[in-house]
Amino acid sequence: MKLLKKKKIKKIKRKVFRFLRPLSDIKLLIFAIAIVIIWRGVWNLTDAYFLPDHFLISNMLSIALGILILFLSDSRLGTLVGVSDCDTEE
């Protein structure tokens, strides 16, 4: 009896996960679009307010500022990709 219930539960779980898999892909697509929209807004604000009359200087300072922020922050690139400190020390 218990074996039959376990098989039924596994079958139901399989059907539910098969149904929900496309929904997670849609959610991922929505998040990706949202990130692009946020980036577009930040980019437009930077173009409008950060040295708008000096295009080349504005871009060079933006790159330098971004690099400086990355170097001064305590977070590492490995934390963005899910690599822990003990994985990188080996």
PDB file of N, CA and C in Angstrom:
ATOM      1  N   MET A   1       0.825  -1.196   0.000  1.00  0.00           N
ATOM      2  CA  MET A   1       0.000   0.000   0.000  1.00  0.00           C
ATOM      3  C   MET A   1       0.863   1.252   0.000  1.00  0.00           C
ATOM      4  N   LYS A   2       1.896   1.293   0.885  1.00  0.00           N
ATOM      5  CA  LYS A   2       2.765   2.450   0.947  1.00  0.00           C
ATOM      6  C   LYS A   2       3.563   2.608  -0.347  1.00  0.00           C
ATOM      7  N   LEU A   3       3.969   1.511  -0.940  1.00  0.00           N
ATOM      8  CA  LEU A   3       4.721   1.556  -2.185  1.00  0.00           C
ATOM      9  C   LEU A   3       3.872   2.152  -3.300  1.00  0.00           C
ATOM     10  N   LEU A   4       2.608   1.812  -3.322  1.00  0.00           N
ATOM     11  CA  LEU A   4       1.684   2.350  -4.320  1.00  0.00           C
ATOM     12  C   LEU A   4       1.513   3.855  -4.139  1.00  0.00           C
ATOM     13  N   LYS A   5       1.427   4.318  -2.890  1.00  0.00           N
ATOM     14  CA  LYS A   5       1.291   5.747  -2.613  1.00  0.00           C
ATOM     15  C   LYS A   5       2.548   6.498  -3.047  1.00  0.00           C
ATOM     16  N   LYS A   6       3.711   5.920  -2.769  1.00  0.00           N
ATOM     17  CA  LYS A   6       4.962   6.568  -3.152  1.00  0.00           C
ATOM     18  C   LYS A   6       5.065   6.698  -4.665  1.00  0.00           C
ATOM     19  N   LYS A   7       4.635   5.666  -5.384  1.00  0.00           N
ATOM     20  CA  LYS A   7       4.675   5.732  -6.848  1.00  0.00           C
ATOM     21  C   LYS A   7       3.728   6.803  -7.372  1.00  0.00           C
ATOM     22  N   LYS A   8       2.540   6.885  -6.759  1.00  0.00           N
ATOM     23  CA  LYS A   8       1.587   7.909  -7.181  1.00  0.00           C
ATOM     24  C   LYS A   8       2.123   9.310  -6.894  1.00  0.00           C
ATOM     25  N   ILE A   9       2.748   9.476  -5.744  1.00  0.00           N
ATOM     26  CA  ILE A   9       3.308  10.784  -5.373  1.00  0.00           C
ATOM     27  C   ILE A   9       4.425  11.165  -6.345  1.00  0.00           C
ATOM     28  N   LYS A  10       5.286  10.221  -6.680  1.00  0.00           N
ATOM     29  CA  LYS A  10       6.362  10.497  -7.631  1.00  0.00           C
ATOM     30  C   LYS A  10       5.795  10.886  -8.995  1.00  0.00           C
ATOM     31  N   LYS A  11       4.744  10.191  -9.405  1.00  0.00           N
ATOM     32  CA  LYS A  11       4.122  10.476 -10.698  1.00  0.00           C
ATOM     33  C   LYS A  11       3.502  11.874 -10.700  1.00  0.00           C
ATOM     34  N   ILE A  12       2.857  12.247  -9.612  1.00  0.00           N
ATOM     35  CA  ILE A  12       2.260  13.580  -9.499  1.00  0.00           C
ATOM     36  C   ILE A  12       3.342  14.659  -9.479  1.00  0.00           C
ATOM     37  N   LYS A  13       4.415  14.417  -8.730  1.00  0.00           N
ATOM     38  CA  LYS A  13       5.516  15.377  -8.682  1.00  0.00           C
ATOM     39  C   LYS A  13       6.118  15.581 -10.060  1.00  0.00           C
ATOM     40  N   ARG A  14       6.302  14.494 -10.790  1.00  0.00           N
ATOM     41  CA  ARG A  14       6.862  14.579 -12.134  1.00  0.00           C
ATOM     42  C   ARG A  14       5.982  15.432 -13.046  1.00  0.00           C
ATOM     43  N   LYS A  15       4.667  15.239 -12.939  1.00  0.00           N
ATOM     44  CA  LYS A  15       3.739  16.018 -13.759  1.00  0.00           C
ATOM     45  C   LYS A  15       3.752  17.493 -13.370  1.00  0.00           C
ATOM     46  N   VAL A  16       3.812  17.766 -12.067  1.00  0.00           N
ATOM     47  CA  VAL A  16       3.833  19.157 -11.600  1.00  0.00           C
ATOM     48  C   VAL A  16       5.106  19.850 -12.067  1.00  0.00           C
ATOM     49  N   PHE A  17       6.258  19.200 -11.887  1.00  0.00           N
ATOM     50  CA  PHE A  17       7.521  19.816 -12.312  1.00  0.00           C
ATOM     51  C   PHE A  17       7.566  20.003 -13.824  1.00  0.00           C
ATOM     52  N   ARG A  18       7.014  19.073 -14.563  1.00  0.00           N
ATOM     53  CA  ARG A  18       6.974  19.204 -16.021  1.00  0.00           C
ATOM     54  C   ARG A  18       6.100  20.400 -16.419  1.00  0.00           C
ATOM     55  N   PHE A  19       5.040  20.634 -15.665  1.00  0.00           N
ATOM     56  CA  PHE A  19       4.159  21.769 -15.935  1.00  0.00           C
ATOM     57  C   PHE A  19       4.815  23.094 -15.547  1.00  0.00           C
ATOM     58  N   LEU A  20       5.559  23.117 -14.442  1.00  0.00           N
ATOM     59  CA  LEU A  20       6.137  24.363 -13.930  1.00  0.00           C
ATOM     60  C   LEU A  20       7.440  24.766 -14.616  1.00  0.00           C
ATOM     61  N   ARG A  21       8.101  23.860 -15.301  1.00  0.00           N
ATOM     62  CA  ARG A  21       9.381  24.181 -15.930  1.00  0.00           C
ATOM     63  C   ARG A  21       9.270  25.342 -16.911  1.00  0.00           C
ATOM     64  N   PRO A  22       8.298  25.370 -17.820  1.00  0.00           N
ATOM     65  CA  PRO A  22       8.190  26.535 -18.724  1.00  0.00           C
ATOM     66  C   PRO A  22       7.899  27.832 -17.984  1.00  0.00           C
ATOM     67  N   LEU A  23       7.191  27.767 -16.853  1.00  0.00           N
ATOM     68  CA  LEU A  23       6.905  28.971 -16.085  1.00  0.00           C
ATOM     69  C   LEU A  23       8.187  29.574 -15.513  1.00  0.00           C
ATOM     70  N   SER A  24       9.131  28.746 -15.095  1.00  0.00           N
ATOM     71  CA  SER A  24      10.391  29.267 -14.573  1.00  0.00           C
ATOM     72  C   SER A  24      11.201  29.911 -15.692  1.00  0.00           C
ATOM     73  N   ASP A  25      11.104  29.373 -16.912  1.00  0.00           N
ATOM     74  CA  ASP A  25      11.780  29.985 -18.049  1.00  0.00           C
ATOM     75  C   ASP A  25      11.185  31.355 -18.364  1.00  0.00           C
ATOM     76  N   ILE A  26       9.879  31.479 -18.263  1.00  0.00           N
ATOM     77  CA  ILE A  26       9.218  32.763 -18.498  1.00  0.00           C
ATOM     78  C   ILE A  26       9.619  33.762 -17.414  1.00  0.00           C
ATOM     79  N   LYS A  27       9.690  33.300 -16.177  1.00  0.00           N
ATOM     80  CA  LYS A  27      10.108  34.170 -15.073  1.00  0.00           C
ATOM     81  C   LYS A  27      11.535  34.660 -15.298  1.00  0.00           C
ATOM     82  N   LEU A  28      12.415  33.795 -15.755  1.00  0.00           N
ATOM     83  CA  LEU A  28      13.793  34.168 -16.048  1.00  0.00           C
ATOM     84  C   LEU A  28      13.834  35.206 -17.171  1.00  0.00           C
ATOM     85  N   LEU A  29      13.026  35.032 -18.187  1.00  0.00           N
ATOM     86  CA  LEU A  29      12.959  35.993 -19.288  1.00  0.00           C
ATOM     87  C   LEU A  29      12.472  37.356 -18.798  1.00  0.00           C
ATOM     88  N   ILE A  30      11.477  37.364 -17.935  1.00  0.00           N
ATOM     89  CA  ILE A  30      10.959  38.620 -17.381  1.00  0.00           C
ATOM     90  C   ILE A  30      12.037  39.324 -16.558  1.00  0.00           C
ATOM     91  N   PHE A  31      12.799  38.582 -15.749  1.00  0.00           N
ATOM     92  CA  PHE A  31      13.885  39.171 -14.974  1.00  0.00           C
ATOM     93  C   PHE A  31      14.961  39.751 -15.885  1.00  0.00           C
ATOM     94  N   ALA A  32      15.296  39.043 -16.948  1.00  0.00           N
ATOM     95  CA  ALA A  32      16.316  39.529 -17.883  1.00  0.00           C
ATOM     96  C   ALA A  32      15.865  40.829 -18.547  1.00  0.00           C
ATOM     97  N   ILE A  33      14.607  40.889 -18.950  1.00  0.00           N
ATOM     98  CA  ILE A  33      14.067  42.111 -19.561  1.00  0.00           C
ATOM     99  C   ILE A  33      14.078  43.256 -18.555  1.00  0.00           C
ATOM    100  N   ALA A  34      13.726  42.978 -17.313  1.00  0.00           N
ATOM    101  CA  ALA A  34      13.726  44.011 -16.276  1.00  0.00           C
ATOM    102  C   ALA A  34      15.129  44.563 -16.053  1.00  0.00           C
ATOM    103  N   ILE A  35      16.130  43.702 -16.055  1.00  0.00           N
ATOM    104  CA  ILE A  35      17.508  44.148 -15.874  1.00  0.00           C
ATOM    105  C   ILE A  35      17.929  45.050 -17.030  1.00  0.00           C
ATOM    106  N   VAL A  36      17.556  44.686 -18.249  1.00  0.00           N
ATOM    107  CA  VAL A  36      17.897  45.512 -19.409  1.00  0.00           C
ATOM    108  C   VAL A  36      17.205  46.868 -19.323  1.00  0.00           C
ATOM    109  N   ILE A  37      15.953  46.899 -18.885  1.00  0.00           N
ATOM    110  CA  ILE A  37      15.223  48.160 -18.756  1.00  0.00           C
ATOM    111  C   ILE A  37      15.873  49.055 -17.701  1.00  0.00           C
ATOM    112  N   ILE A  38      16.266  48.469 -16.571  1.00  0.00           N
ATOM    113  CA  ILE A  38      16.951  49.249 -15.532  1.00  0.00           C
ATOM    114  C   ILE A  38      18.269  49.787 -16.076  1.00  0.00           C
ATOM    115  N   TRP A  39      19.034  48.952 -16.760  1.00  0.00           N
ATOM    116  CA  TRP A  39      20.307  49.392 -17.315  1.00  0.00           C
ATOM    117  C   TRP A  39      20.089  50.531 -18.316  1.00  0.00           C
ATOM    118  N   ARG A  40      19.053  50.439 -19.139  1.00  0.00           N
ATOM    119  CA  ARG A  40      18.755  51.496 -20.112  1.00  0.00           C
ATOM    120  C   ARG A  40      18.457  52.819 -19.401  1.00  0.00           C
ATOM    121  N   GLY A  41      17.721  52.770 -18.313  1.00  0.00           N
ATOM    122  CA  GLY A  41      17.414  53.974 -17.559  1.00  0.00           C
ATOM    123  C   GLY A  41      18.650  54.605 -16.946  1.00  0.00           C
ATOM    124  N   VAL A  42      19.512  53.767 -16.364  1.00  0.00           N
ATOM    125  CA  VAL A  42      20.750  54.272 -15.776  1.00  0.00           C
ATOM    126  C   VAL A  42      21.635  54.879 -16.869  1.00  0.00           C
ATOM    127  N   TRP A  43      21.713  54.216 -17.996  1.00  0.00           N
ATOM    128  CA  TRP A  43      22.527  54.698 -19.113  1.00  0.00           C
ATOM    129  C   TRP A  43      22.021  56.062 -19.595  1.00  0.00           C
ATOM    130  N   ASN A  44      20.717  56.206 -19.752  1.00  0.00           N
ATOM    131  CA  ASN A  44      20.151  57.477 -20.220  1.00  0.00           C
ATOM    132  C   ASN A  44      20.361  58.592 -19.201  1.00  0.00           C
ATOM    133  N   LEU A  45      20.215  58.289 -17.913  1.00  0.00           N
ATOM    134  CA  LEU A  45      20.474  59.303 -16.885  1.00  0.00           C
ATOM    135  C   LEU A  45      21.939  59.726 -16.888  1.00  0.00           C
ATOM    136  N   THR A  46      22.828  58.781 -17.059  1.00  0.00           N
ATOM    137  CA  THR A  46      24.252  59.099 -17.111  1.00  0.00           C
ATOM    138  C   THR A  46      24.552  59.989 -18.319  1.00  0.00           C
ATOM    139  N   ASP A  47      23.970  59.659 -19.474  1.00  0.00           N
ATOM    140  CA  ASP A  47      24.177  60.489 -20.665  1.00  0.00           C
ATOM    141  C   ASP A  47      23.646  61.900 -20.468  1.00  0.00           C
ATOM    142  N   ALA A  48      22.546  62.041 -19.761  1.00  0.00           N
ATOM    143  CA  ALA A  48      21.914  63.350 -19.612  1.00  0.00           C
ATOM    144  C   ALA A  48      22.589  64.219 -18.556  1.00  0.00           C
ATOM    145  N   TYR A  49      23.129  63.622 -17.490  1.00  0.00           N
ATOM    146  CA  TYR A  49      23.591  64.422 -16.357  1.00  0.00           C
ATOM    147  C   TYR A  49      25.082  64.352 -16.055  1.00  0.00           C
ATOM    148  N   PHE A  50      25.794  63.359 -16.545  1.00  0.00           N
ATOM    149  CA  PHE A  50      27.218  63.218 -16.233  1.00  0.00           C
ATOM    150  C   PHE A  50      28.032  63.759 -17.410  1.00  0.00           C
ATOM    151  N   LEU A  51      28.429  65.006 -17.327  1.00  0.00           N
ATOM    152  CA  LEU A  51      29.182  65.698 -18.372  1.00  0.00           C
ATOM    153  C   LEU A  51      28.540  65.545 -19.756  1.00  0.00           C
ATOM    154  N   PRO A  52      27.327  66.047 -19.936  1.00  0.00           N
ATOM    155  CA  PRO A  52      26.614  65.830 -21.202  1.00  0.00           C
ATOM    156  C   PRO A  52      27.271  66.500 -22.410  1.00  0.00           C
ATOM    157  N   ASP A  53      28.067  67.534 -22.192  1.00  0.00           N
ATOM    158  CA  ASP A  53      28.690  68.231 -23.315  1.00  0.00           C
ATOM    159  C   ASP A  53      30.035  67.635 -23.730  1.00  0.00           C
ATOM    160  N   HIS A  54      30.563  66.707 -22.940  1.00  0.00           N
ATOM    161  CA  HIS A  54      31.883  66.107 -23.210  1.00  0.00           C
ATOM    162  C   HIS A  54      31.716  64.586 -23.287  1.00  0.00           C
ATOM    163  N   PHE A  55      31.348  64.116 -24.463  1.00  0.00           N
ATOM    164  CA  PHE A  55      31.015  62.698 -24.657  1.00  0.00           C
ATOM    165  C   PHE A  55      32.180  61.772 -24.319  1.00  0.00           C
ATOM    166  N   LEU A  56      33.366  62.031 -24.878  1.00  0.00           N
ATOM    167  CA  LEU A  56      34.507  61.141 -24.683  1.00  0.00           C
ATOM    168  C   LEU A  56      34.974  61.142 -23.220  1.00  0.00           C
ATOM    169  N   ILE A  57      35.082  62.327 -22.638  1.00  0.00           N
ATOM    170  CA  ILE A  57      35.512  62.419 -21.239  1.00  0.00           C
ATOM    171  C   ILE A  57      34.494  61.731 -20.322  1.00  0.00           C
ATOM    172  N   SER A  58      33.216  61.897 -20.597  1.00  0.00           N
ATOM    173  CA  SER A  58      32.164  61.258 -19.804  1.00  0.00           C
ATOM    174  C   SER A  58      32.293  59.744 -19.841  1.00  0.00           C
ATOM    175  N   ASN A  59      32.525  59.198 -21.032  1.00  0.00           N
ATOM    176  CA  ASN A  59      32.656  57.744 -21.158  1.00  0.00           C
ATOM    177  C   ASN A  59      33.920  57.230 -20.477  1.00  0.00           C
ATOM    178  N   MET A  60      35.020  57.946 -20.630  1.00  0.00           N
ATOM    179  CA  MET A  60      36.275  57.506 -20.011  1.00  0.00           C
ATOM    180  C   MET A  60      36.167  57.550 -18.483  1.00  0.00           C
ATOM    181  N   LEU A  61      35.569  58.629 -17.948  1.00  0.00           N
ATOM    182  CA  LEU A  61      35.402  58.713 -16.493  1.00  0.00           C
ATOM    183  C   LEU A  61      34.427  57.657 -15.973  1.00  0.00           C
ATOM    184  N   SER A  62      33.404  57.343 -16.753  1.00  0.00           N
ATOM    185  CA  SER A  62      32.457  56.295 -16.344  1.00  0.00           C
ATOM    186  C   SER A  62      33.149  54.944 -16.253  1.00  0.00           C
ATOM    187  N   ILE A  63      33.991  54.647 -17.231  1.00  0.00           N
ATOM    188  CA  ILE A  63      34.739  53.380 -17.210  1.00  0.00           C
ATOM    189  C   ILE A  63      35.678  53.348 -16.011  1.00  0.00           C
ATOM    190  N   ALA A  64      36.411  54.444 -15.804  1.00  0.00           N
ATOM    191  CA  ALA A  64      37.353  54.502 -14.681  1.00  0.00           C
ATOM    192  C   ALA A  64      36.624  54.377 -13.345  1.00  0.00           C
ATOM    193  N   LEU A  65      35.504  55.052 -13.206  1.00  0.00           N
ATOM    194  CA  LEU A  65      34.729  54.980 -11.968  1.00  0.00           C
ATOM    195  C   LEU A  65      34.205  53.563 -11.732  1.00  0.00           C
ATOM    196  N   GLY A  66      33.721  52.918 -12.776  1.00  0.00           N
ATOM    197  CA  GLY A  66      33.243  51.539 -12.644  1.00  0.00           C
ATOM    198  C   GLY A  66      34.339  50.583 -12.223  1.00  0.00           C
ATOM    199  N   ILE A  67      35.516  50.732 -12.827  1.00  0.00           N
ATOM    200  CA  ILE A  67      36.654  49.877 -12.460  1.00  0.00           C
ATOM    201  C   ILE A  67      37.076  50.142 -11.021  1.00  0.00           C
ATOM    202  N   LEU A  68      37.109  51.410 -10.632  1.00  0.00           N
ATOM    203  CA  LEU A  68      37.474  51.762  -9.263  1.00  0.00           C
ATOM    204  C   LEU A  68      36.502  51.161  -8.247  1.00  0.00           C
ATOM    205  N   ILE A  69      35.218  51.251  -8.536  1.00  0.00           N
ATOM    206  CA  ILE A  69      34.207  50.670  -7.636  1.00  0.00           C
ATOM    207  C   ILE A  69      34.398  49.164  -7.515  1.00  0.00           C
ATOM    208  N   LEU A  70      34.676  48.493  -8.641  1.00  0.00           N
ATOM    209  CA  LEU A  70      34.887  47.042  -8.596  1.00  0.00           C
ATOM    210  C   LEU A  70      36.123  46.678  -7.779  1.00  0.00           C
ATOM    211  N   PHE A  71      37.205  47.444  -7.915  1.00  0.00           N
ATOM    212  CA  PHE A  71      38.424  47.139  -7.175  1.00  0.00           C
ATOM    213  C   PHE A  71      38.297  47.465  -5.692  1.00  0.00           C
ATOM    214  N   LEU A  72      37.554  48.509  -5.358  1.00  0.00           N
ATOM    215  CA  LEU A  72      37.439  48.901  -3.961  1.00  0.00           C
ATOM    216  C   LEU A  72      36.404  48.094  -3.174  1.00  0.00           C
ATOM    217  N   SER A  73      35.513  47.448  -3.891  1.00  0.00           N
ATOM    218  CA  SER A  73      34.488  46.673  -3.177  1.00  0.00           C
ATOM    219  C   SER A  73      35.086  45.380  -2.640  1.00  0.00           C
ATOM    220  N   ASP A  74      34.507  44.888  -1.570  1.00  0.00           N
ATOM    221  CA  ASP A  74      35.004  43.654  -0.961  1.00  0.00           C
ATOM    222  C   ASP A  74      34.541  42.418  -1.710  1.00  0.00           C
ATOM    223  N   SER A  75      33.488  42.565  -2.486  1.00  0.00           N
ATOM    224  CA  SER A  75      32.978  41.393  -3.188  1.00  0.00           C
ATOM    225  C   SER A  75      33.889  41.058  -4.357  1.00  0.00           C
ATOM    226  N   ARG A  76      33.948  39.808  -4.665  1.00  0.00           N
ATOM    227  CA  ARG A  76      34.787  39.319  -5.753  1.00  0.00           C
ATOM    228  C   ARG A  76      33.908  38.813  -6.875  1.00  0.00           C
ATOM    229  N   LEU A  77      34.500  38.642  -8.034  1.00  0.00           N
ATOM    230  CA  LEU A  77      33.750  38.131  -9.175  1.00  0.00           C
ATOM    231  C   LEU A  77      33.243  36.716  -8.899  1.00  0.00           C
ATOM    232  N   GLY A  78      33.978  35.950  -8.099  1.00  0.00           N
ATOM    233  CA  GLY A  78      33.570  34.587  -7.777  1.00  0.00           C
ATOM    234  C   GLY A  78      32.246  34.516  -7.053  1.00  0.00           C
ATOM    235  N   THR A  79      31.914  35.550  -6.276  1.00  0.00           N
ATOM    236  CA  THR A  79      30.636  35.539  -5.579  1.00  0.00           C
ATOM    237  C   THR A  79      29.486  35.726  -6.552  1.00  0.00           C
ATOM    238  N   LEU A  80      29.748  36.380  -7.678  1.00  0.00           N
ATOM    239  CA  LEU A  80      28.693  36.553  -8.676  1.00  0.00           C
ATOM    240  C   LEU A  80      28.396  35.254  -9.416  1.00  0.00           C
ATOM    241  N   VAL A  81      29.407  34.416  -9.581  1.00  0.00           N
ATOM    242  CA  VAL A  81      29.207  33.171 -10.302  1.00  0.00           C
ATOM    243  C   VAL A  81      29.030  31.981  -9.376  1.00  0.00           C
ATOM    244  N   GLY A  82      29.059  32.216  -8.059  1.00  0.00           N
ATOM    245  CA  GLY A  82      28.766  31.147  -7.106  1.00  0.00           C
ATOM    246  C   GLY A  82      29.969  30.348  -6.653  1.00  0.00           C
ATOM    247  N   VAL A  83      31.169  30.870  -6.834  1.00  0.00           N
ATOM    248  CA  VAL A  83      32.364  30.171  -6.388  1.00  0.00           C
ATOM    249  C   VAL A  83      32.718  30.697  -5.015  1.00  0.00           C
ATOM    250  N   SER A  84      32.880  29.802  -4.051  1.00  0.00           N
ATOM    251  CA  SER A  84      33.218  30.241  -2.698  1.00  0.00           C
ATOM    252  C   SER A  84      34.721  30.443  -2.581  1.00  0.00           C
ATOM    253  N   ASP A  85      35.140  31.096  -1.482  1.00  0.00           N
ATOM    254  CA  ASP A  85      36.558  31.369  -1.253  1.00  0.00           C
ATOM    255  C   ASP A  85      37.382  30.093  -1.159  1.00  0.00           C
ATOM    256  N   CYS A  86      36.837  29.064  -0.521  1.00  0.00           N
ATOM    257  CA  CYS A  86      37.599  27.832  -0.355  1.00  0.00           C
ATOM    258  C   CYS A  86      37.779  27.110  -1.686  1.00  0.00           C
ATOM    259  N   ASP A  87      36.893  27.355  -2.670  1.00  0.00           N
ATOM    260  CA  ASP A  87      37.075  26.744  -3.991  1.00  0.00           C
ATOM    261  C   ASP A  87      38.214  27.402  -4.750  1.00  0.00           C
ATOM    262  N   THR A  88      38.435  28.704  -4.539  1.00  0.00           N
ATOM    263  CA  THR A  88      39.456  29.417  -5.288  1.00  0.00           C
ATOM    264  C   THR A  88      40.843  29.264  -4.671  1.00  0.00           C
ATOM    265  N   GLU A  89      40.936  28.852  -3.410  1.00  0.00           N
ATOM    266  CA  GLU A  89      42.225  28.735  -2.739  1.00  0.00           C
ATOM    267  C   GLU A  89      42.967  27.465  -3.098  1.00  0.00           C
ATOM    268  N   GLU A  90      42.312  26.489  -3.648  1.00  0.00           N
ATOM    269  CA  GLU A  90      42.946  25.215  -3.948  1.00  0.00           C
ATOM    270  C   GLU A  90      43.872  25.288  -5.123  1.00  0.00           C
TER     271      GLU A  90
END
